[in-house]
Amino acid sequence: MFRNVLVLLVVAGFFVSCNVNKKMDKPNLESELERVSYSLGVTAGAYYLKQGFDSIDIDAFTAGFRGAVKEADLQISQEECNVVLQEFFNKANERQADELKKVGEEFLAENSKREGVITLPSGLQYEVITEGTGATPSSTDKVKTHYHGTLIDGTVFDSSVDRGEPISFPVNGVISGWTEALQLMKVGSKWRLFVPYDLAYGERGAGEEVGPYSALIFDVELLDIEK
């Protein structure tokens, strides 16, 4: 992360240092140097916004920028700058994590009020679509299932139903929410699971579609316990 920031600063600094006295808000952009320099500025600004810098003190930024480019005495050493930025990113990540958790928590809290939804002590919620009459698997069993997984906004991220192919796996070889639910289901059952992030893919998420701290919804049909 810091390497990318520094690369932008060093490269942009080479061009800007050649022409630091020009008006910065509306440069002429007539020469290649001006266009490239302006493009680097736009790229750097967009990058900072994505990293959580929703506002920047331009005067302080410019002072630090010029100090680094001209190798002048810095008011904050490079080592201290790294600490300042690391602390900022840590706080930004914590805020983002809290916001993502809140989305799932609010959904599950509201969902728990619906008739037919059962909330377990772990936080896992389920709704019985079809109640089976067969055996119930243990944690060491291997089961055959059909499933359809979505985000809480309805986006499908994985589905054996759509593929038309049931899947087999050990009960204890999947996410915690599934492991818990399968040991309560009977063969022939179809349940809708509402899985909190900590019983799903946690703080990292999975793949491109399941983001960090995502609560998930699964329709799970227990087809068989395989010997």
C-alpha atoms as a PDB file:
ATOM      1  CA  MET A   1       0.000   0.000   0.000  1.00  0.00           C
ATOM      2  CA  PHE A   2       2.670   2.485   1.057  1.00  0.00           C
ATOM      3  CA  ARG A   3       4.853   1.458  -1.873  1.00  0.00           C
ATOM      4  CA  ASN A   4       2.085   2.453  -4.301  1.00  0.00           C
ATOM      5  CA  VAL A   5       1.643   5.798  -2.554  1.00  0.00           C
ATOM      6  CA  LEU A   6       5.361   6.518  -2.643  1.00  0.00           C
ATOM      7  CA  VAL A   7       5.673   5.566  -6.299  1.00  0.00           C
ATOM      8  CA  LEU A   8       2.921   8.051  -7.186  1.00  0.00           C
ATOM      9  CA  LEU A   9       4.564  10.762  -5.111  1.00  0.00           C
ATOM     10  CA  VAL A  10       8.047  10.233  -6.506  1.00  0.00           C
ATOM     11  CA  VAL A  11       6.940  10.095 -10.136  1.00  0.00           C
ATOM     12  CA  ALA A  12       4.542  13.011  -9.800  1.00  0.00           C
ATOM     13  CA  GLY A  13       7.170  14.914  -7.843  1.00  0.00           C
ATOM     14  CA  PHE A  14       9.641  14.695 -10.715  1.00  0.00           C
ATOM     15  CA  PHE A  15       7.269  16.535 -13.012  1.00  0.00           C
ATOM     16  CA  VAL A  16       5.815  18.978 -10.496  1.00  0.00           C
ATOM     17  CA  SER A  17       9.244  19.977  -9.172  1.00  0.00           C
ATOM     18  CA  CYS A  18      10.096  21.171 -12.676  1.00  0.00           C
ATOM     19  CA  ASN A  19       7.264  23.679 -12.548  1.00  0.00           C
ATOM     20  CA  VAL A  20       6.232  24.352  -8.930  1.00  0.00           C
ATOM     21  CA  ASN A  21       5.483  28.050  -9.380  1.00  0.00           C
ATOM     22  CA  LYS A  22       2.607  27.699 -11.837  1.00  0.00           C
ATOM     23  CA  LYS A  23      -0.982  28.125 -10.739  1.00  0.00           C
ATOM     24  CA  MET A  24      -2.129  24.667  -9.637  1.00  0.00           C
ATOM     25  CA  ASP A  25      -5.913  24.807  -9.822  1.00  0.00           C
ATOM     26  CA  LYS A  26      -6.258  25.459 -13.571  1.00  0.00           C
ATOM     27  CA  PRO A  27      -3.001  24.780 -15.417  1.00  0.00           C
ATOM     28  CA  ASN A  28      -2.923  25.392 -19.156  1.00  0.00           C
ATOM     29  CA  LEU A  29      -2.314  21.741 -20.016  1.00  0.00           C
ATOM     30  CA  GLU A  30      -0.818  22.760 -23.339  1.00  0.00           C
ATOM     31  CA  SER A  31       2.430  20.832 -23.138  1.00  0.00           C
ATOM     32  CA  GLU A  32       2.927  17.098 -22.691  1.00  0.00           C
ATOM     33  CA  LEU A  33       4.636  17.769 -19.354  1.00  0.00           C
ATOM     34  CA  GLU A  34       1.568  19.641 -18.079  1.00  0.00           C
ATOM     35  CA  ARG A  35      -0.869  16.974 -19.265  1.00  0.00           C
ATOM     36  CA  VAL A  36       1.170  14.137 -17.786  1.00  0.00           C
ATOM     37  CA  SER A  37       1.637  16.023 -14.514  1.00  0.00           C
ATOM     38  CA  TYR A  38      -2.085  16.784 -14.285  1.00  0.00           C
ATOM     39  CA  SER A  39      -2.950  13.161 -15.066  1.00  0.00           C
ATOM     40  CA  LEU A  40      -0.633  11.994 -12.296  1.00  0.00           C
ATOM     41  CA  GLY A  41      -2.336  14.384  -9.899  1.00  0.00           C
ATOM     42  CA  VAL A  42      -5.790  13.076 -10.824  1.00  0.00           C
ATOM     43  CA  THR A  43      -4.594   9.478 -10.462  1.00  0.00           C
ATOM     44  CA  ALA A  44      -3.013  10.178  -7.077  1.00  0.00           C
ATOM     45  CA  GLY A  45      -6.132  11.980  -5.833  1.00  0.00           C
ATOM     46  CA  ALA A  46      -8.418   9.151  -6.924  1.00  0.00           C
ATOM     47  CA  TYR A  47      -6.110   6.638  -5.259  1.00  0.00           C
ATOM     48  CA  TYR A  48      -6.164   8.508  -1.959  1.00  0.00           C
ATOM     49  CA  LEU A  49      -9.961   8.673  -1.978  1.00  0.00           C
ATOM     50  CA  LYS A  50     -10.144   4.888  -2.419  1.00  0.00           C
ATOM     51  CA  GLN A  51      -7.807   4.479   0.543  1.00  0.00           C
ATOM     52  CA  GLY A  52     -10.161   6.404   2.815  1.00  0.00           C
ATOM     53  CA  PHE A  53      -8.870   9.965   2.437  1.00  0.00           C
ATOM     54  CA  ASP A  54     -12.243  11.669   1.975  1.00  0.00           C
ATOM     55  CA  SER A  55     -10.571  15.020   2.696  1.00  0.00           C
ATOM     56  CA  ILE A  56      -6.977  16.227   2.438  1.00  0.00           C
ATOM     57  CA  ASP A  57      -5.357  19.419   3.656  1.00  0.00           C
ATOM     58  CA  ILE A  58      -3.888  20.559   0.346  1.00  0.00           C
ATOM     59  CA  ASP A  59      -1.483  23.056   1.945  1.00  0.00           C
ATOM     60  CA  ALA A  60      -0.015  20.449   4.295  1.00  0.00           C
ATOM     61  CA  PHE A  61       0.080  17.890   1.485  1.00  0.00           C
ATOM     62  CA  THR A  62       1.910  20.313  -0.824  1.00  0.00           C
ATOM     63  CA  ALA A  63       4.410  21.239   1.902  1.00  0.00           C
ATOM     64  CA  GLY A  64       5.236  17.608   2.566  1.00  0.00           C
ATOM     65  CA  PHE A  65       5.325  16.827  -1.145  1.00  0.00           C
ATOM     66  CA  ARG A  66       7.776  19.623  -1.951  1.00  0.00           C
ATOM     67  CA  GLY A  67       9.882  18.820   1.089  1.00  0.00           C
ATOM     68  CA  ALA A  68      10.290  15.218  -0.036  1.00  0.00           C
ATOM     69  CA  VAL A  69      10.947  16.124  -3.675  1.00  0.00           C
ATOM     70  CA  LYS A  70      13.551  18.765  -2.811  1.00  0.00           C
ATOM     71  CA  GLU A  71      15.068  16.601  -0.051  1.00  0.00           C
ATOM     72  CA  ALA A  72      14.549  19.432   2.416  1.00  0.00           C
ATOM     73  CA  ASP A  73      14.289  19.099   6.194  1.00  0.00           C
ATOM     74  CA  LEU A  74      10.954  17.466   6.926  1.00  0.00           C
ATOM     75  CA  GLN A  75       8.758  18.445   9.851  1.00  0.00           C
ATOM     76  CA  ILE A  76       7.858  14.767  10.256  1.00  0.00           C
ATOM     77  CA  SER A  77      10.465  12.140   9.395  1.00  0.00           C
ATOM     78  CA  GLN A  78       9.731   9.456   6.813  1.00  0.00           C
ATOM     79  CA  GLU A  79       9.614   6.864   9.593  1.00  0.00           C
ATOM     80  CA  GLU A  80       7.110   8.945  11.552  1.00  0.00           C
ATOM     81  CA  CYS A  81       5.065   9.476   8.386  1.00  0.00           C
ATOM     82  CA  ASN A  82       4.773   5.710   7.971  1.00  0.00           C
ATOM     83  CA  VAL A  83       3.505   5.420  11.563  1.00  0.00           C
ATOM     84  CA  VAL A  84       0.970   8.236  11.023  1.00  0.00           C
ATOM     85  CA  LEU A  85      -0.338   6.623   7.824  1.00  0.00           C
ATOM     86  CA  GLN A  86      -0.450   3.160   9.346  1.00  0.00           C
ATOM     87  CA  GLU A  87      -2.507   4.451  12.280  1.00  0.00           C
ATOM     88  CA  PHE A  88      -4.839   6.247   9.862  1.00  0.00           C
ATOM     89  CA  PHE A  89      -5.374   3.137   7.729  1.00  0.00           C
ATOM     90  CA  ASN A  90      -5.932   1.005  10.822  1.00  0.00           C
ATOM     91  CA  LYS A  91      -8.657   3.372  12.025  1.00  0.00           C
ATOM     92  CA  ALA A  92     -10.177   3.539   8.520  1.00  0.00           C
ATOM     93  CA  ASN A  93     -10.235  -0.258   8.308  1.00  0.00           C
ATOM     94  CA  GLU A  94     -11.897  -0.489  11.717  1.00  0.00           C
ATOM     95  CA  ARG A  95     -14.571   2.007  10.650  1.00  0.00           C
ATOM     96  CA  GLN A  96     -15.191   0.110   7.435  1.00  0.00           C
ATOM     97  CA  ALA A  97     -15.389  -3.207   9.300  1.00  0.00           C
ATOM     98  CA  ASP A  98     -17.909  -1.733  11.754  1.00  0.00           C
ATOM     99  CA  GLU A  99     -20.046  -0.459   8.870  1.00  0.00           C
ATOM    100  CA  LEU A 100     -19.979  -3.814   7.069  1.00  0.00           C
ATOM    101  CA  LYS A 101     -20.808  -5.708  10.263  1.00  0.00           C
ATOM    102  CA  LYS A 102     -23.675  -3.319  10.959  1.00  0.00           C
ATOM    103  CA  VAL A 103     -25.314  -4.070   7.600  1.00  0.00           C
ATOM    104  CA  GLY A 104     -25.431  -7.801   8.351  1.00  0.00           C
ATOM    105  CA  GLU A 105     -26.408  -7.345  11.982  1.00  0.00           C
ATOM    106  CA  GLU A 106     -29.323  -5.062  11.120  1.00  0.00           C
ATOM    107  CA  PHE A 107     -30.551  -7.483   8.465  1.00  0.00           C
ATOM    108  CA  LEU A 108     -30.423 -10.449  10.850  1.00  0.00           C
ATOM    109  CA  ALA A 109     -32.072  -8.492  13.664  1.00  0.00           C
ATOM    110  CA  GLU A 110     -34.977  -7.563  11.421  1.00  0.00           C
ATOM    111  CA  ASN A 111     -35.125 -11.044   9.893  1.00  0.00           C
ATOM    112  CA  SER A 112     -35.399 -12.634  13.337  1.00  0.00           C
ATOM    113  CA  LYS A 113     -38.773 -10.931  13.775  1.00  0.00           C
ATOM    114  CA  ARG A 114     -40.332 -12.777  10.854  1.00  0.00           C
ATOM    115  CA  GLU A 115     -42.712 -15.604  11.630  1.00  0.00           C
ATOM    116  CA  GLY A 116     -41.128 -19.004  11.130  1.00  0.00           C
ATOM    117  CA  VAL A 117     -37.536 -17.827  11.543  1.00  0.00           C
ATOM    118  CA  ILE A 118     -35.668 -19.556  14.373  1.00  0.00           C
ATOM    119  CA  THR A 119     -32.543 -17.999  15.869  1.00  0.00           C
ATOM    120  CA  LEU A 120     -30.041 -20.309  17.549  1.00  0.00           C
ATOM    121  CA  PRO A 121     -27.692 -19.276  20.398  1.00  0.00           C
ATOM    122  CA  SER A 122     -24.795 -19.089  17.913  1.00  0.00           C
ATOM    123  CA  GLY A 123     -26.644 -16.427  15.932  1.00  0.00           C
ATOM    124  CA  LEU A 124     -27.479 -18.771  13.065  1.00  0.00           C
ATOM    125  CA  GLN A 125     -31.037 -18.367  11.807  1.00  0.00           C
ATOM    126  CA  TYR A 126     -33.080 -20.849   9.808  1.00  0.00           C
ATOM    127  CA  GLU A 127     -36.495 -21.223   8.267  1.00  0.00           C
ATOM    128  CA  VAL A 128     -37.965 -24.639   7.468  1.00  0.00           C
ATOM    129  CA  ILE A 129     -39.188 -24.872   3.887  1.00  0.00           C
ATOM    130  CA  THR A 130     -39.664 -28.655   3.892  1.00  0.00           C
ATOM    131  CA  GLU A 131     -39.243 -30.938   6.906  1.00  0.00           C
ATOM    132  CA  GLY A 132     -37.727 -34.302   6.052  1.00  0.00           C
ATOM    133  CA  THR A 133     -38.322 -37.642   7.744  1.00  0.00           C
ATOM    134  CA  GLY A 134     -34.940 -39.324   7.297  1.00  0.00           C
ATOM    135  CA  ALA A 135     -31.891 -39.645   9.526  1.00  0.00           C
ATOM    136  CA  THR A 136     -29.911 -36.714  10.915  1.00  0.00           C
ATOM    137  CA  PRO A 137     -26.174 -36.589  10.098  1.00  0.00           C
ATOM    138  CA  SER A 138     -23.386 -36.278  12.651  1.00  0.00           C
ATOM    139  CA  SER A 139     -20.316 -34.083  12.307  1.00  0.00           C
ATOM    140  CA  THR A 140     -18.259 -36.981  10.947  1.00  0.00           C
ATOM    141  CA  ASP A 141     -20.753 -37.966   8.236  1.00  0.00           C
ATOM    142  CA  LYS A 142     -20.527 -37.132   4.557  1.00  0.00           C
ATOM    143  CA  VAL A 143     -23.694 -35.683   3.056  1.00  0.00           C
ATOM    144  CA  LYS A 144     -25.129 -34.977  -0.370  1.00  0.00           C
ATOM    145  CA  THR A 145     -26.904 -31.655  -0.778  1.00  0.00           C
ATOM    146  CA  HIS A 146     -28.364 -29.162  -3.188  1.00  0.00           C
ATOM    147  CA  TYR A 147     -27.920 -25.504  -2.268  1.00  0.00           C
ATOM    148  CA  HIS A 148     -28.437 -21.967  -3.521  1.00  0.00           C
ATOM    149  CA  GLY A 149     -26.349 -19.199  -1.935  1.00  0.00           C
ATOM    150  CA  THR A 150     -27.011 -15.462  -2.092  1.00  0.00           C
ATOM    151  CA  LEU A 151     -25.899 -12.261  -0.444  1.00  0.00           C
ATOM    152  CA  ILE A 152     -28.504 -10.498   1.660  1.00  0.00           C
ATOM    153  CA  ASP A 153     -29.294  -8.248  -1.322  1.00  0.00           C
ATOM    154  CA  GLY A 154     -30.241 -11.313  -3.380  1.00  0.00           C
ATOM    155  CA  THR A 155     -27.060 -11.564  -5.466  1.00  0.00           C
ATOM    156  CA  VAL A 156     -26.341 -15.224  -6.264  1.00  0.00           C
ATOM    157  CA  PHE A 157     -22.715 -16.140  -5.597  1.00  0.00           C
ATOM    158  CA  ASP A 158     -22.859 -19.955  -5.703  1.00  0.00           C
ATOM    159  CA  SER A 159     -25.536 -22.514  -6.531  1.00  0.00           C
ATOM    160  CA  SER A 160     -25.470 -26.250  -7.120  1.00  0.00           C
ATOM    161  CA  VAL A 161     -29.116 -25.858  -8.148  1.00  0.00           C
ATOM    162  CA  ASP A 162     -28.151 -23.549 -11.012  1.00  0.00           C
ATOM    163  CA  ARG A 163     -25.386 -25.942 -12.034  1.00  0.00           C
ATOM    164  CA  GLY A 164     -27.790 -28.875 -11.869  1.00  0.00           C
ATOM    165  CA  GLU A 165     -25.315 -30.941  -9.861  1.00  0.00           C
ATOM    166  CA  PRO A 166     -25.712 -31.871  -6.161  1.00  0.00           C
ATOM    167  CA  ILE A 167     -22.523 -31.732  -4.109  1.00  0.00           C
ATOM    168  CA  SER A 168     -21.128 -34.090  -1.456  1.00  0.00           C
ATOM    169  CA  PHE A 169     -18.850 -33.085   1.420  1.00  0.00           C
ATOM    170  CA  PRO A 170     -18.073 -33.876   5.083  1.00  0.00           C
ATOM    171  CA  VAL A 171     -20.398 -32.146   7.533  1.00  0.00           C
ATOM    172  CA  ASN A 172     -17.395 -30.736   9.388  1.00  0.00           C
ATOM    173  CA  GLY A 173     -15.692 -29.638   6.165  1.00  0.00           C
ATOM    174  CA  VAL A 174     -17.815 -26.564   5.417  1.00  0.00           C
ATOM    175  CA  ILE A 175     -18.532 -23.193   7.025  1.00  0.00           C
ATOM    176  CA  SER A 176     -19.607 -23.290  10.670  1.00  0.00           C
ATOM    177  CA  GLY A 177     -23.168 -22.220   9.932  1.00  0.00           C
ATOM    178  CA  TRP A 178     -23.648 -25.183   7.628  1.00  0.00           C
ATOM    179  CA  THR A 179     -22.002 -27.637  10.027  1.00  0.00           C
ATOM    180  CA  GLU A 180     -24.369 -26.540  12.798  1.00  0.00           C
ATOM    181  CA  ALA A 181     -27.495 -26.607  10.639  1.00  0.00           C
ATOM    182  CA  LEU A 182     -26.834 -29.960   8.964  1.00  0.00           C
ATOM    183  CA  GLN A 183     -26.662 -31.693  12.351  1.00  0.00           C
ATOM    184  CA  LEU A 184     -30.203 -30.469  13.039  1.00  0.00           C
ATOM    185  CA  MET A 185     -31.693 -31.404   9.672  1.00  0.00           C
ATOM    186  CA  LYS A 186     -33.195 -34.696   8.582  1.00  0.00           C
ATOM    187  CA  VAL A 187     -32.666 -36.217   5.162  1.00  0.00           C
ATOM    188  CA  GLY A 188     -35.342 -34.822   2.868  1.00  0.00           C
ATOM    189  CA  SER A 189     -35.349 -31.437   4.617  1.00  0.00           C
ATOM    190  CA  LYS A 190     -34.922 -28.120   2.870  1.00  0.00           C
ATOM    191  CA  TRP A 191     -34.038 -25.171   5.063  1.00  0.00           C
ATOM    192  CA  ARG A 192     -33.244 -21.555   4.389  1.00  0.00           C
ATOM    193  CA  LEU A 193     -30.209 -20.533   6.427  1.00  0.00           C
ATOM    194  CA  PHE A 194     -29.363 -16.961   7.407  1.00  0.00           C
ATOM    195  CA  VAL A 195     -25.695 -17.078   8.338  1.00  0.00           C
ATOM    196  CA  PRO A 196     -23.842 -14.327  10.275  1.00  0.00           C
ATOM    197  CA  TYR A 197     -20.411 -13.430   8.896  1.00  0.00           C
ATOM    198  CA  ASP A 198     -18.571 -15.156  11.772  1.00  0.00           C
ATOM    199  CA  LEU A 199     -20.297 -18.450  10.902  1.00  0.00           C
ATOM    200  CA  ALA A 200     -19.643 -17.926   7.187  1.00  0.00           C
ATOM    201  CA  TYR A 201     -16.466 -16.540   5.568  1.00  0.00           C
ATOM    202  CA  GLY A 202     -15.507 -14.140   8.335  1.00  0.00           C
ATOM    203  CA  GLU A 203     -13.593 -10.914   8.003  1.00  0.00           C
ATOM    204  CA  ARG A 204     -11.933 -11.874   4.712  1.00  0.00           C
ATOM    205  CA  GLY A 205     -14.918 -12.986   2.658  1.00  0.00           C
ATOM    206  CA  ALA A 206     -14.546 -15.417  -0.245  1.00  0.00           C
ATOM    207  CA  GLY A 207     -13.838 -14.746  -3.894  1.00  0.00           C
ATOM    208  CA  GLU A 208     -14.915 -11.571  -5.630  1.00  0.00           C
ATOM    209  CA  GLU A 209     -18.592 -11.570  -4.684  1.00  0.00           C
ATOM    210  CA  VAL A 210     -18.585 -12.464  -0.979  1.00  0.00           C
ATOM    211  CA  GLY A 211     -17.008  -9.466   0.689  1.00  0.00           C
ATOM    212  CA  PRO A 212     -15.579  -9.165   4.205  1.00  0.00           C
ATOM    213  CA  TYR A 213     -18.066  -9.479   7.079  1.00  0.00           C
ATOM    214  CA  SER A 214     -20.847 -10.689   4.759  1.00  0.00           C
ATOM    215  CA  ALA A 215     -23.970 -12.292   6.183  1.00  0.00           C
ATOM    216  CA  LEU A 216     -25.242 -14.927   3.735  1.00  0.00           C
ATOM    217  CA  ILE A 217     -28.437 -16.742   2.819  1.00  0.00           C
ATOM    218  CA  PHE A 218     -28.504 -20.393   1.727  1.00  0.00           C
ATOM    219  CA  ASP A 219     -31.331 -22.639   0.654  1.00  0.00           C
ATOM    220  CA  VAL A 220     -30.005 -26.073   1.624  1.00  0.00           C
ATOM    221  CA  GLU A 221     -31.650 -29.382   0.736  1.00  0.00           C
ATOM    222  CA  LEU A 222     -30.259 -32.445   2.516  1.00  0.00           C
ATOM    223  CA  LEU A 223     -30.545 -35.240  -0.053  1.00  0.00           C
ATOM    224  CA  ASP A 224     -28.680 -38.103   1.610  1.00  0.00           C
ATOM    225  CA  ILE A 225     -26.113 -39.277   4.138  1.00  0.00           C
ATOM    226  CA  GLU A 226     -23.435 -41.098   2.183  1.00  0.00           C
ATOM    227  CA  LYS A 227     -21.763 -44.217   3.539  1.00  0.00           C
END
